Protein backbone atom coordinates (compact mmCIF):
# COMPACT_ATOMS: atom_id res chain seq x y z
CA MET A 1 -5.21 -90.84 -32.30
CA SER A 2 -8.44 -89.65 -33.92
CA THR A 3 -9.14 -86.51 -35.88
CA THR A 4 -12.34 -84.60 -36.53
CA SER A 5 -13.26 -82.31 -39.37
CA THR A 6 -15.81 -79.56 -39.59
CA ASN A 7 -17.63 -78.61 -42.76
CA THR A 8 -17.35 -74.84 -43.14
CA ASN A 9 -18.77 -74.59 -46.66
CA PRO A 10 -22.00 -72.55 -46.49
CA ALA A 11 -23.29 -74.23 -49.62
CA ALA A 12 -23.37 -77.53 -47.85
CA ASP A 13 -25.96 -76.17 -45.46
CA GLY A 14 -28.53 -75.56 -48.17
CA ALA A 15 -29.62 -72.77 -50.42
CA GLY A 16 -30.26 -70.46 -47.51
CA GLY A 17 -26.62 -70.46 -46.52
CA SER A 18 -27.29 -71.86 -43.03
CA ARG A 19 -29.22 -74.83 -41.72
CA GLY A 20 -32.46 -73.90 -39.98
CA GLN A 21 -33.18 -74.98 -36.40
CA ALA A 22 -35.24 -78.15 -36.01
CA PRO A 23 -38.92 -77.69 -35.05
CA ALA A 24 -39.69 -77.56 -31.32
CA GLY A 25 -41.55 -80.86 -31.39
CA GLU A 26 -38.62 -82.64 -33.00
CA ARG A 27 -36.19 -81.17 -30.46
CA VAL A 28 -38.38 -82.36 -27.58
CA ALA A 29 -38.61 -85.82 -29.16
CA ASP A 30 -34.81 -85.97 -29.59
CA TRP A 31 -34.32 -84.85 -25.99
CA ALA A 32 -36.69 -87.53 -24.67
CA ASP A 33 -35.25 -90.26 -26.90
CA ALA A 34 -31.69 -89.50 -25.76
CA ARG A 35 -32.73 -90.11 -22.16
CA LEU A 36 -35.53 -92.66 -22.36
CA GLY A 37 -34.91 -94.53 -25.62
CA ILE A 38 -38.56 -93.99 -26.64
CA TYR A 39 -37.83 -93.91 -30.39
CA SER A 40 -35.88 -97.16 -30.35
CA LEU A 41 -38.57 -98.86 -28.29
CA ALA A 42 -41.35 -97.58 -30.53
CA LYS A 43 -39.48 -98.52 -33.69
CA SER A 44 -39.13 -102.12 -32.54
CA ASN A 45 -42.79 -102.48 -31.54
CA MET A 46 -44.84 -100.29 -33.88
CA ARG A 47 -44.47 -102.82 -36.70
CA LYS A 48 -45.44 -105.77 -34.53
CA ILE A 49 -47.82 -108.11 -36.36
CA PHE A 50 -51.28 -108.99 -35.03
CA PRO A 51 -53.48 -111.71 -36.55
CA ASP A 52 -56.74 -110.56 -38.09
CA HIS A 53 -59.53 -112.69 -36.59
CA TRP A 54 -62.85 -111.50 -35.14
CA SER A 55 -62.48 -113.46 -31.88
CA PHE A 56 -59.40 -111.43 -30.92
CA MET A 57 -61.66 -108.37 -30.67
CA LEU A 58 -63.18 -109.79 -27.47
CA GLY A 59 -60.10 -108.75 -25.52
CA GLU A 60 -60.35 -105.28 -27.01
CA VAL A 61 -63.97 -104.99 -25.84
CA CYS A 62 -62.74 -105.72 -22.30
CA LEU A 63 -59.95 -103.15 -22.54
CA TYR A 64 -62.12 -100.40 -23.98
CA SER A 65 -64.97 -100.94 -21.53
CA PHE A 66 -62.41 -100.79 -18.70
CA LEU A 67 -61.21 -97.42 -20.01
CA ILE A 68 -64.82 -96.22 -20.20
CA ILE A 69 -65.36 -97.31 -16.58
CA ILE A 70 -62.33 -95.28 -15.46
CA LEU A 71 -63.33 -92.18 -17.44
CA THR A 72 -66.94 -92.16 -16.22
CA GLY A 73 -65.87 -93.14 -12.69
CA VAL A 74 -63.58 -90.11 -12.44
CA TYR A 75 -66.51 -87.87 -13.41
CA LEU A 76 -68.83 -89.45 -10.83
CA THR A 77 -66.30 -89.04 -7.99
CA LEU A 78 -66.55 -85.26 -8.43
CA PHE A 79 -70.14 -85.28 -7.17
CA PHE A 80 -70.47 -88.37 -4.94
CA HIS A 81 -70.23 -88.06 -1.14
CA PRO A 82 -69.27 -91.41 0.46
CA SER A 83 -70.88 -90.76 3.82
CA MET A 84 -73.63 -92.46 5.79
CA ASN A 85 -74.49 -89.33 7.77
CA GLU A 86 -78.23 -88.77 7.59
CA VAL A 87 -79.64 -85.72 5.80
CA VAL A 88 -83.12 -84.60 4.72
CA TYR A 89 -83.70 -84.74 0.98
CA HIS A 90 -84.69 -81.46 -0.70
CA GLY A 91 -83.79 -82.33 -4.30
CA SER A 92 -85.68 -82.31 -7.57
CA TYR A 93 -87.39 -85.70 -7.15
CA VAL A 94 -90.66 -84.76 -5.44
CA PRO A 95 -91.79 -88.20 -4.10
CA LEU A 96 -88.71 -88.44 -1.82
CA GLN A 97 -88.64 -84.85 -0.58
CA GLY A 98 -88.47 -84.56 3.19
CA GLN A 99 -87.25 -88.13 3.72
CA LEU A 100 -84.21 -89.05 5.79
CA MET A 101 -81.39 -90.65 3.79
CA SER A 102 -77.63 -90.99 3.82
CA GLU A 103 -75.40 -88.46 2.10
CA ALA A 104 -74.36 -91.24 -0.27
CA PHE A 105 -77.94 -91.74 -1.45
CA ASN A 106 -78.60 -88.00 -1.51
CA SER A 107 -75.53 -87.32 -3.68
CA THR A 108 -76.47 -90.14 -6.05
CA MET A 109 -79.93 -88.59 -6.41
CA HIS A 110 -78.22 -85.24 -7.06
CA ILE A 111 -76.08 -86.83 -9.79
CA SER A 112 -79.15 -88.44 -11.35
CA PHE A 113 -81.46 -85.40 -11.40
CA ASP A 114 -79.46 -82.20 -10.97
CA VAL A 115 -75.99 -82.74 -12.51
CA ARG A 116 -75.98 -82.11 -16.26
CA GLY A 117 -75.58 -85.50 -17.94
CA GLY A 118 -75.17 -87.16 -14.54
CA LEU A 119 -77.74 -89.90 -15.05
CA LEU A 120 -76.34 -90.77 -18.46
CA ILE A 121 -72.79 -91.00 -17.04
CA ARG A 122 -74.08 -93.15 -14.16
CA GLN A 123 -75.76 -95.53 -16.57
CA ILE A 124 -72.76 -95.63 -18.93
CA HIS A 125 -70.58 -96.49 -15.91
CA HIS A 126 -72.91 -99.31 -14.83
CA TRP A 127 -73.43 -100.73 -18.32
CA ALA A 128 -69.70 -100.55 -19.06
CA ALA A 129 -69.05 -102.60 -15.92
CA LEU A 130 -71.51 -105.25 -17.09
CA VAL A 131 -69.99 -105.26 -20.60
CA PHE A 132 -66.47 -105.50 -19.13
CA LEU A 133 -67.30 -108.59 -17.11
CA ALA A 134 -69.35 -110.15 -19.91
CA GLY A 135 -66.46 -109.50 -22.29
CA MET A 136 -64.00 -111.03 -19.81
CA PHE A 137 -66.22 -114.10 -19.47
CA VAL A 138 -66.49 -114.68 -23.23
CA HIS A 139 -62.82 -113.78 -23.81
CA MET A 140 -61.69 -116.31 -21.19
CA MET A 141 -63.93 -118.95 -22.76
CA ARG A 142 -62.34 -118.25 -26.15
CA VAL A 143 -58.89 -118.62 -24.61
CA PHE A 144 -59.95 -121.79 -22.79
CA PHE A 145 -61.62 -123.57 -25.71
CA THR A 146 -58.76 -122.80 -28.14
CA GLY A 147 -55.97 -123.73 -25.71
CA ALA A 148 -54.43 -120.25 -25.82
CA PHE A 149 -53.52 -120.60 -22.12
CA ARG A 150 -50.79 -123.17 -22.80
CA LYS A 151 -47.08 -122.47 -22.37
CA PRO A 152 -45.84 -119.73 -22.34
CA ARG A 153 -49.15 -117.99 -21.52
CA GLU A 154 -50.11 -119.61 -18.21
CA ILE A 155 -49.23 -116.46 -16.27
CA ASN A 156 -51.28 -114.36 -18.66
CA TRP A 157 -54.26 -116.65 -18.02
CA VAL A 158 -53.80 -116.07 -14.30
CA PHE A 159 -53.67 -112.31 -14.89
CA GLY A 160 -56.90 -112.46 -16.88
CA PHE A 161 -58.54 -114.67 -14.26
CA LEU A 162 -57.57 -112.24 -11.48
CA LEU A 163 -58.95 -109.36 -13.55
CA PHE A 164 -62.28 -111.16 -13.82
CA VAL A 165 -62.45 -111.95 -10.09
CA LEU A 166 -61.38 -108.46 -9.05
CA GLY A 167 -63.89 -107.05 -11.54
CA MET A 168 -66.63 -109.00 -9.79
CA PHE A 169 -65.78 -107.55 -6.40
CA THR A 170 -65.21 -104.07 -7.82
CA GLY A 171 -68.65 -104.26 -9.36
CA PHE A 172 -70.18 -105.41 -6.09
CA THR A 173 -68.60 -102.58 -4.08
CA GLY A 174 -69.68 -100.02 -6.68
CA TYR A 175 -73.20 -101.43 -6.79
CA SER A 176 -73.36 -100.98 -3.00
CA LEU A 177 -72.26 -97.32 -2.89
CA PRO A 178 -75.62 -95.56 -3.56
CA ASP A 179 -76.95 -97.02 -0.27
CA ASP A 180 -80.36 -97.68 -1.81
CA LEU A 181 -82.76 -100.40 -0.72
CA LEU A 182 -81.63 -102.84 -3.42
CA SER A 183 -77.89 -102.53 -2.80
CA GLY A 184 -78.47 -102.53 0.97
CA THR A 185 -80.26 -105.86 0.63
CA GLY A 186 -77.25 -107.22 -1.26
CA VAL A 187 -74.88 -105.97 1.45
CA ARG A 188 -77.04 -107.64 4.10
CA PHE A 189 -76.81 -110.85 2.07
CA MET A 190 -73.02 -110.55 2.10
CA GLU A 191 -73.02 -109.85 5.84
CA GLY A 192 -74.95 -113.06 6.46
CA ALA A 193 -72.39 -115.01 4.42
CA ILE A 194 -69.52 -113.47 6.41
CA LEU A 195 -71.19 -114.30 9.72
CA SER A 196 -71.39 -117.97 8.71
CA VAL A 197 -67.60 -118.28 8.82
CA PRO A 198 -66.73 -120.20 12.00
CA ILE A 199 -64.81 -118.42 14.77
CA VAL A 200 -63.78 -115.28 12.82
CA GLY A 201 -67.05 -114.42 11.05
CA THR A 202 -68.29 -112.01 13.70
CA TYR A 203 -64.95 -110.22 13.89
CA LEU A 204 -64.79 -109.87 10.10
CA SER A 205 -68.29 -108.38 10.03
CA PHE A 206 -67.51 -105.87 12.78
CA PHE A 207 -64.26 -104.90 11.06
CA LEU A 208 -65.96 -104.39 7.69
CA PHE A 209 -69.00 -102.46 8.92
CA GLY A 210 -67.39 -100.64 11.83
CA GLY A 211 -69.76 -102.25 14.33
CA GLN A 212 -73.18 -103.82 14.22
CA PHE A 213 -74.66 -104.00 10.70
CA PRO A 214 -75.17 -101.69 8.88
CA GLY A 215 -72.80 -99.55 10.97
CA GLY A 216 -71.81 -96.10 9.83
CA ASP A 217 -68.64 -96.67 7.82
CA PHE A 218 -69.18 -99.31 5.15
CA VAL A 219 -69.97 -96.86 2.31
CA ALA A 220 -66.74 -94.91 2.96
CA ARG A 221 -64.76 -98.14 3.19
CA PHE A 222 -66.33 -99.63 0.05
CA TYR A 223 -65.68 -96.31 -1.70
CA SER A 224 -61.94 -96.46 -0.97
CA ILE A 225 -61.83 -100.08 -2.11
CA HIS A 226 -63.89 -99.31 -5.20
CA ILE A 227 -62.00 -96.28 -6.54
CA LEU A 228 -58.46 -96.90 -5.26
CA LEU A 229 -57.49 -100.39 -4.16
CA LEU A 230 -59.20 -102.69 -6.67
CA PRO A 231 -58.88 -100.42 -9.75
CA GLY A 232 -55.20 -99.85 -8.97
CA ILE A 233 -54.54 -103.59 -8.85
CA MET A 234 -56.63 -104.15 -11.98
CA LEU A 235 -54.78 -101.42 -13.88
CA GLY A 236 -51.48 -103.07 -13.00
CA LEU A 237 -52.82 -106.43 -14.17
CA VAL A 238 -54.07 -104.92 -17.44
CA VAL A 239 -50.64 -103.40 -18.13
CA GLY A 240 -48.91 -106.67 -17.25
CA HIS A 241 -51.38 -108.61 -19.41
CA LEU A 242 -50.71 -106.38 -22.45
CA ILE A 243 -46.93 -106.50 -21.93
CA LEU A 244 -47.03 -110.30 -21.93
CA VAL A 245 -49.22 -110.31 -25.06
CA VAL A 246 -46.60 -108.19 -26.84
CA TYR A 247 -43.68 -110.17 -25.42
CA HIS A 248 -45.03 -113.65 -26.22
CA LYS A 249 -46.55 -112.48 -29.56
CA HIS A 250 -50.15 -113.22 -30.43
CA THR A 251 -51.62 -116.67 -30.93
CA GLN A 252 -53.16 -117.54 -34.29
CA PHE A 253 -55.39 -120.20 -35.79
CA ALA A 254 -53.87 -122.91 -37.95
CA GLY A 255 -53.47 -122.14 -41.64
CA PRO A 256 -51.00 -122.25 -44.52
CA GLY A 257 -47.68 -120.68 -43.61
CA LYS A 258 -48.61 -120.30 -39.94
CA THR A 259 -46.19 -121.93 -37.52
CA ASN A 260 -45.11 -121.63 -33.90
CA ASN A 261 -42.27 -119.38 -35.09
CA ASN A 262 -44.16 -116.67 -36.97
CA VAL A 263 -47.28 -114.48 -36.88
CA ILE A 264 -49.26 -113.67 -40.02
CA GLY A 265 -51.47 -110.61 -39.92
CA MET A 266 -51.45 -106.82 -39.99
CA PRO A 267 -48.80 -104.50 -38.44
CA LEU A 268 -49.62 -102.52 -35.30
CA MET A 269 -48.93 -99.23 -37.12
CA PRO A 270 -50.79 -97.98 -39.03
CA VAL A 271 -53.34 -100.69 -39.85
CA TYR A 272 -54.08 -102.22 -36.47
CA MET A 273 -54.02 -98.91 -34.57
CA ALA A 274 -56.51 -97.39 -37.02
CA LYS A 275 -58.83 -100.36 -36.58
CA ALA A 276 -58.40 -100.33 -32.80
CA GLY A 277 -59.13 -96.61 -32.57
CA GLY A 278 -62.30 -96.97 -34.60
CA PHE A 279 -63.36 -99.99 -32.57
CA PHE A 280 -62.88 -98.06 -29.31
CA PHE A 281 -65.33 -95.37 -30.44
CA LEU A 282 -67.71 -98.06 -31.68
CA VAL A 283 -67.70 -99.78 -28.27
CA PHE A 284 -68.09 -96.42 -26.51
CA GLY A 285 -70.97 -95.49 -28.83
CA VAL A 286 -72.83 -98.77 -28.34
CA ILE A 287 -72.50 -98.60 -24.54
CA ALA A 288 -73.61 -94.95 -24.54
CA ALA A 289 -76.61 -95.80 -26.75
CA VAL A 290 -77.63 -98.67 -24.48
CA ALA A 291 -77.22 -96.45 -21.41
CA ALA A 292 -79.37 -93.77 -23.05
CA VAL A 293 -82.33 -96.06 -23.81
CA ALA A 294 -82.11 -98.88 -21.22
CA GLN A 295 -82.66 -97.83 -17.62
CA ILE A 296 -80.54 -99.54 -14.99
CA ASN A 297 -80.49 -99.24 -11.20
CA PRO A 298 -83.26 -96.60 -10.75
CA ILE A 299 -82.54 -95.89 -7.07
CA TRP A 300 -85.34 -93.29 -6.85
CA ALA A 301 -87.90 -96.07 -7.42
CA LEU A 302 -86.43 -98.08 -4.52
CA GLY A 303 -85.68 -95.42 -1.94
CA PRO A 304 -82.88 -95.23 0.65
CA TYR A 305 -81.78 -98.30 2.55
CA ARG A 306 -83.39 -99.10 5.88
CA PRO A 307 -82.34 -102.20 7.87
CA ASP A 308 -85.98 -103.04 8.66
CA GLN A 309 -86.97 -103.25 4.96
CA VAL A 310 -86.10 -105.57 2.09
CA SER A 311 -86.82 -104.78 -1.54
CA THR A 312 -88.83 -107.33 -3.50
CA GLY A 313 -87.15 -109.05 -6.43
CA ALA A 314 -83.70 -108.15 -5.11
CA GLN A 315 -81.13 -109.48 -7.58
CA PRO A 316 -77.39 -108.95 -7.86
CA ASP A 317 -75.73 -108.23 -11.19
CA TRP A 318 -75.42 -111.33 -13.37
CA TYR A 319 -71.79 -112.07 -12.51
CA MET A 320 -72.70 -112.68 -8.83
CA GLY A 321 -75.55 -115.03 -9.75
CA PHE A 322 -73.30 -118.07 -9.29
CA SER A 323 -72.64 -117.39 -5.60
CA GLU A 324 -76.20 -116.20 -5.00
CA GLY A 325 -77.62 -119.38 -6.51
CA LEU A 326 -75.36 -121.59 -4.41
CA ILE A 327 -76.66 -120.06 -1.19
CA ARG A 328 -80.32 -119.90 -2.23
CA VAL A 329 -80.63 -123.57 -3.19
CA MET A 330 -78.51 -124.98 -0.37
CA PRO A 331 -80.57 -126.72 2.32
CA GLY A 332 -80.70 -124.81 5.59
CA TRP A 333 -78.38 -127.16 7.47
CA GLU A 334 -77.18 -126.14 10.92
CA VAL A 335 -74.89 -127.96 13.36
CA ASN A 336 -74.41 -127.11 17.04
CA VAL A 337 -70.86 -127.75 18.27
CA TRP A 338 -69.86 -126.88 21.86
CA GLY A 339 -72.58 -124.30 22.11
CA HIS A 340 -71.76 -122.70 18.76
CA THR A 341 -74.01 -122.92 15.72
CA LEU A 342 -72.40 -123.65 12.35
CA VAL A 343 -74.68 -122.44 9.55
CA LEU A 344 -73.61 -124.99 6.92
CA GLY A 345 -76.37 -123.87 4.55
CA VAL A 346 -74.40 -120.66 4.00
CA PHE A 347 -70.84 -121.67 4.87
CA ILE A 348 -70.61 -124.63 2.45
CA PRO A 349 -71.53 -122.47 -0.61
CA LEU A 350 -69.10 -119.86 0.70
CA VAL A 351 -66.35 -122.51 0.50
CA ILE A 352 -67.44 -123.97 -2.85
CA PHE A 353 -67.41 -120.60 -4.61
CA PRO A 354 -63.67 -119.80 -4.11
CA LEU A 355 -62.72 -123.44 -4.74
CA VAL A 356 -64.39 -123.29 -8.16
CA LEU A 357 -62.61 -120.01 -8.90
CA VAL A 358 -59.24 -121.47 -7.87
CA ALA A 359 -59.83 -124.52 -10.10
CA ILE A 360 -60.43 -122.20 -13.06
CA GLY A 361 -57.31 -120.19 -12.25
CA VAL A 362 -54.94 -123.16 -12.04
CA TYR A 363 -56.41 -125.19 -14.93
CA PRO A 364 -53.52 -124.45 -17.36
CA PHE A 365 -51.05 -125.97 -14.91
CA ILE A 366 -53.28 -129.03 -14.43
CA GLU A 367 -53.52 -129.68 -18.17
CA SER A 368 -49.78 -129.12 -18.60
CA TRP A 369 -49.11 -131.71 -15.89
CA VAL A 370 -51.52 -134.20 -17.47
CA THR A 371 -49.99 -133.91 -20.94
CA GLY A 372 -46.38 -133.53 -19.83
CA ASP A 373 -45.98 -131.11 -22.74
CA LYS A 374 -43.24 -128.53 -22.04
CA ARG A 375 -43.16 -126.98 -25.53
CA GLU A 376 -44.35 -123.50 -26.45
CA HIS A 377 -47.66 -123.27 -28.29
CA HIS A 378 -48.58 -120.34 -30.52
CA ILE A 379 -51.07 -122.16 -32.79
CA LEU A 380 -54.60 -122.42 -31.41
CA ASP A 381 -56.65 -125.59 -31.16
CA ARG A 382 -60.02 -126.01 -32.77
CA PRO A 383 -62.33 -126.87 -29.82
CA ARG A 384 -63.46 -130.10 -31.51
CA ASN A 385 -59.88 -131.38 -31.48
CA ALA A 386 -59.72 -131.17 -27.65
CA PRO A 387 -63.06 -132.83 -26.82
CA THR A 388 -62.45 -133.41 -23.11
CA ARG A 389 -61.32 -129.84 -22.48
CA THR A 390 -64.24 -128.49 -24.53
CA ALA A 391 -66.67 -130.71 -22.64
CA PHE A 392 -65.31 -129.43 -19.31
CA GLY A 393 -65.82 -125.84 -20.42
CA ALA A 394 -69.36 -126.47 -21.66
CA ALA A 395 -70.23 -128.33 -18.44
CA TRP A 396 -68.96 -125.43 -16.33
CA ILE A 397 -71.01 -122.93 -18.33
CA SER A 398 -74.14 -125.07 -17.93
CA TRP A 399 -73.42 -125.32 -14.19
CA TYR A 400 -73.17 -121.55 -14.01
CA PHE A 401 -76.50 -121.01 -15.78
CA VAL A 402 -78.24 -123.56 -13.57
CA LEU A 403 -77.09 -121.62 -10.50
CA LEU A 404 -78.11 -118.37 -12.20
CA ILE A 405 -81.65 -119.77 -12.28
CA GLY A 406 -81.31 -120.61 -8.59
CA GLY A 407 -80.12 -117.09 -7.83
CA GLY A 408 -83.29 -115.69 -9.40
CA ASN A 409 -85.73 -118.36 -8.21
CA ASP A 410 -88.17 -115.75 -6.88
CA LEU A 411 -88.33 -113.92 -10.21
CA TRP A 412 -88.76 -117.15 -12.15
CA ALA A 413 -91.60 -118.06 -9.80
CA THR A 414 -93.43 -114.73 -10.10
CA HIS A 415 -92.92 -114.18 -13.83
CA PHE A 416 -93.84 -117.71 -14.93
CA HIS A 417 -96.33 -118.51 -12.14
CA LEU A 418 -94.31 -121.44 -10.83
CA SER A 419 -93.70 -122.78 -7.34
CA ILE A 420 -90.52 -121.36 -5.84
CA ASN A 421 -90.00 -124.65 -3.99
CA ALA A 422 -90.27 -126.58 -7.27
CA ILE A 423 -87.68 -124.28 -8.88
CA THR A 424 -85.34 -124.69 -5.91
CA TRP A 425 -85.60 -128.50 -6.07
CA PHE A 426 -85.11 -128.42 -9.83
CA VAL A 427 -81.87 -126.46 -9.38
CA ARG A 428 -80.69 -128.81 -6.62
CA ILE A 429 -81.12 -131.81 -8.92
CA ALA A 430 -79.87 -130.03 -12.06
CA PHE A 431 -76.78 -128.90 -10.13
CA PHE A 432 -75.51 -132.50 -10.28
CA VAL A 433 -77.25 -133.81 -13.43
CA VAL A 434 -77.04 -131.07 -16.08
CA PRO A 435 -73.22 -130.65 -16.12
CA VAL A 436 -72.79 -134.41 -16.58
CA ILE A 437 -75.28 -134.50 -19.46
CA VAL A 438 -73.70 -131.45 -21.10
CA PHE A 439 -70.21 -132.94 -20.67
CA ILE A 440 -71.18 -136.22 -22.36
CA ALA A 441 -73.16 -134.53 -25.14
CA THR A 442 -70.41 -131.98 -25.90
CA LYS A 443 -67.78 -134.67 -26.02
CA ARG A 444 -69.85 -136.78 -28.41
CA ILE A 445 -70.48 -133.76 -30.64
CA CYS A 446 -66.74 -133.00 -30.77
CA LEU A 447 -65.92 -136.61 -31.66
CA GLY A 448 -68.61 -136.54 -34.35
CA LEU A 449 -67.11 -133.38 -35.82
CA GLN A 450 -63.67 -135.03 -35.79
CA ARG A 451 -65.08 -138.00 -37.72
CA ARG A 452 -66.63 -135.63 -40.26
CA ASP A 453 -63.29 -133.84 -40.68
CA ARG A 454 -61.56 -137.18 -41.20
CA ASP A 455 -64.07 -138.18 -43.87
CA LYS A 456 -63.71 -134.80 -45.60
CA VAL A 457 -59.93 -135.21 -45.73
CA LEU A 458 -60.11 -138.75 -47.15
CA HIS A 459 -63.13 -138.43 -49.46
CA GLY A 460 -63.45 -134.72 -50.15
CA ARG A 461 -66.34 -132.32 -49.75
CA GLU A 462 -69.87 -133.36 -50.67
CA SER A 463 -70.75 -131.31 -53.75
CA GLY A 464 -74.48 -132.07 -53.85
CA ILE A 465 -74.12 -133.33 -57.44
CA ILE A 466 -75.65 -136.79 -58.04
CA LYS A 467 -74.12 -138.90 -60.78
CA ARG A 468 -75.34 -142.14 -62.29
CA LEU A 469 -72.71 -144.74 -63.16
CA PRO A 470 -72.96 -146.95 -66.29
CA HIS A 471 -74.13 -149.95 -64.26
CA GLY A 472 -77.01 -147.93 -62.74
CA GLU A 473 -75.55 -146.96 -59.34
CA PHE A 474 -76.18 -143.41 -58.12
CA ILE A 475 -73.35 -141.66 -56.30
CA GLU A 476 -72.68 -138.17 -55.00
CA VAL A 477 -69.64 -136.48 -56.49
CA HIS A 478 -67.07 -135.44 -53.89
CA GLU A 479 -64.79 -132.52 -54.58
CA PRO A 480 -61.21 -132.80 -53.27
CA LEU A 481 -60.21 -130.26 -50.65
CA SER A 482 -57.66 -127.57 -51.29
CA GLN A 483 -54.24 -127.76 -49.69
CA GLU A 484 -55.28 -124.96 -47.33
CA GLN A 485 -58.33 -126.90 -46.14
CA LEU A 486 -56.33 -130.10 -45.78
CA HIS A 487 -53.76 -128.28 -43.67
CA THR A 488 -56.41 -126.75 -41.40
CA LEU A 489 -58.10 -130.13 -40.80
CA THR A 490 -54.91 -132.10 -40.14
CA SER A 491 -52.45 -129.68 -38.50
CA HIS A 492 -53.58 -130.33 -34.91
CA GLU A 493 -51.54 -132.46 -32.55
CA GLN A 494 -52.82 -135.62 -30.92
CA TYR A 495 -51.27 -136.53 -27.60
CA GLN A 496 -50.64 -140.07 -26.52
CA PRO A 497 -51.86 -141.03 -23.03
CA VAL A 498 -49.19 -141.11 -20.35
CA GLU A 499 -48.44 -144.69 -19.32
CA ILE A 500 -47.37 -145.77 -15.85
CA GLY A 501 -44.63 -147.96 -17.32
CA PRO A 502 -43.27 -151.26 -16.04
CA THR A 503 -44.15 -152.08 -12.46
CA VAL A 504 -40.84 -153.91 -11.90
CA ASP A 505 -37.33 -152.61 -12.45
CA GLU A 506 -34.49 -154.28 -14.40
CA ASN A 507 -33.66 -156.43 -11.36
CA GLY A 508 -37.18 -157.82 -11.08
CA VAL A 509 -37.92 -155.79 -7.96
CA GLU A 510 -41.43 -154.38 -7.84
CA ARG A 511 -41.37 -150.63 -8.25
CA LYS A 512 -43.41 -148.51 -5.92
CA ILE A 513 -45.82 -146.43 -7.96
CA LYS A 514 -46.75 -143.06 -6.53
CA GLY A 515 -50.38 -142.08 -6.21
CA SER A 516 -49.75 -138.94 -8.25
CA GLU A 517 -48.36 -141.08 -11.07
CA LYS A 518 -51.48 -143.24 -11.10
CA LEU A 519 -53.71 -140.18 -11.05
CA ARG A 520 -51.82 -138.58 -13.91
CA SER A 521 -52.12 -141.75 -16.00
CA ARG A 522 -55.89 -141.95 -15.39
CA LEU A 523 -56.41 -138.29 -16.24
CA SER A 524 -54.24 -138.60 -19.34
CA ASN A 525 -56.30 -141.55 -20.55
CA ALA A 526 -59.49 -139.61 -19.84
CA TYR A 527 -58.17 -136.78 -21.99
CA TYR A 528 -56.38 -138.61 -24.79
CA GLY A 529 -57.38 -142.30 -24.67
CA ASP A 530 -58.69 -144.23 -27.66
CA THR A 531 -62.30 -143.26 -26.95
CA ASN A 532 -61.50 -139.56 -26.48
CA GLN A 533 -60.04 -138.62 -29.87
CA ILE A 534 -60.42 -139.81 -33.45
CA PRO A 535 -57.09 -140.65 -35.13
CA LYS A 536 -56.09 -138.26 -37.88
CA PRO A 537 -55.91 -139.76 -41.38
CA THR A 538 -52.40 -140.75 -42.34
CA VAL A 539 -50.63 -139.80 -45.54
CA GLU A 540 -50.79 -143.45 -46.66
CA GLU A 541 -54.57 -143.57 -46.16
CA TYR A 542 -55.02 -140.36 -48.10
CA LYS A 543 -52.87 -141.53 -51.01
CA GLU A 544 -54.59 -144.92 -51.15
CA ILE A 545 -58.07 -143.42 -51.36
CA THR A 546 -57.20 -140.53 -53.67
CA SER A 547 -55.30 -142.81 -56.05
CA GLY A 548 -58.58 -143.53 -57.85
CA HIS A 549 -59.94 -146.69 -56.28
CA GLY A 550 -63.30 -145.96 -54.69
CA HIS A 551 -62.88 -142.18 -55.07
CA HIS A 552 -65.64 -140.29 -56.83
């Protein structure tokens, strides 16, 4: 049996004789917390620690530019009319007055010239999209080169990869909405790629355009995809990405006191939130300043789209240069099969492009299979300590830039007075040669940096001070490294290559070796064989050298 007591002494309620009612805000907070547990959730997460390193700001640039895209996009939807119905232009831009154009183009002109601040918002929206994708590209490269995608963050890598791919297609659909001559040329390019798909290409084109190109529906359909479908999926991926970042805790670079079981840095509240808030306004300010002084997509200079015209120097945004370059430099191969023409010059690049994207998306699982490492990793690699992975990343980037040149072969030809055929053949050859050269060179550079780190650990840092010994020999004085520097240079792990093992069992019977086992052994040797990493100095080597003999 339990008893309760009530304090009836007025003095206990304060000098006023009665306790005052809590403020309205506090009562609302208590009401919400009793039902949603917001306070408990916030209390457990507001003091979460985040490492303080400049490279982690790349992800914030992506997040903030995405928010800017949403904010400016909402404003633009208030004035844009996603219709291809033809109207006569009677707006403020005199050179186009009296011309027939779609309502989409007409409303974009209205936003640019008649809506207060409309052109600035349009340009902020476009520049923010470019910054978002550029930030995603660099952020993913940072994650790739430092090994931040390893267990338990493989799913987060996939989320980020999907954000990048969806961002590409969201950008393409948005770029196509004004229905100007430049975007119309890009849509025609896409239509040609769709038509190259055997059997179903024609049906896909008719479904997308509502009939024969350009049809009368593609702007409305792209509009729905651009403002609802793709952003909704991307918003869900962003939320999932951030939840996983909080759940798995942040990665950190090696250093004293840093282990797989802790995070050293600043708390989310108030330090990190103050920095993040300031950084958001900094990103917004820079994008707004660029949009104010750097013109982008001047549709009035191009005019409305007409199927019988093509704009000169038509280029997609940079993130589509990879696919554009593949198609431009591919030979115009065609094959006739049973009365049907297969346009291999377009279809093969159309197949290569998604295959490359899929390879990027599943890479964490490939490396995990090669290493056989099932442990969690919260300490980042220095790129030099994973030379094969770093070389793969550098080779892919070089491959991308080669195809970017191919995607703009006409502009390279006109601006530098070169032959467009010579540029095309250069890209065709460089497509196979440059990534190999970059791979080998990057790997050698990484191994050289590993050797330098090994020498620094064993012999110390070169001080630049020259000393003459009694017997006349000149030497450079080496300063021993601090414990912090020694830890940073020697804390990385070095995997041993996976061996196939004995080919016969304990009974002398030859064991059948699977093809996947052989492949894994070869890949493991390519990653971690004797010629692919420099052994770390051992404690015995360090003590022997630093004991005095031969150490200056």
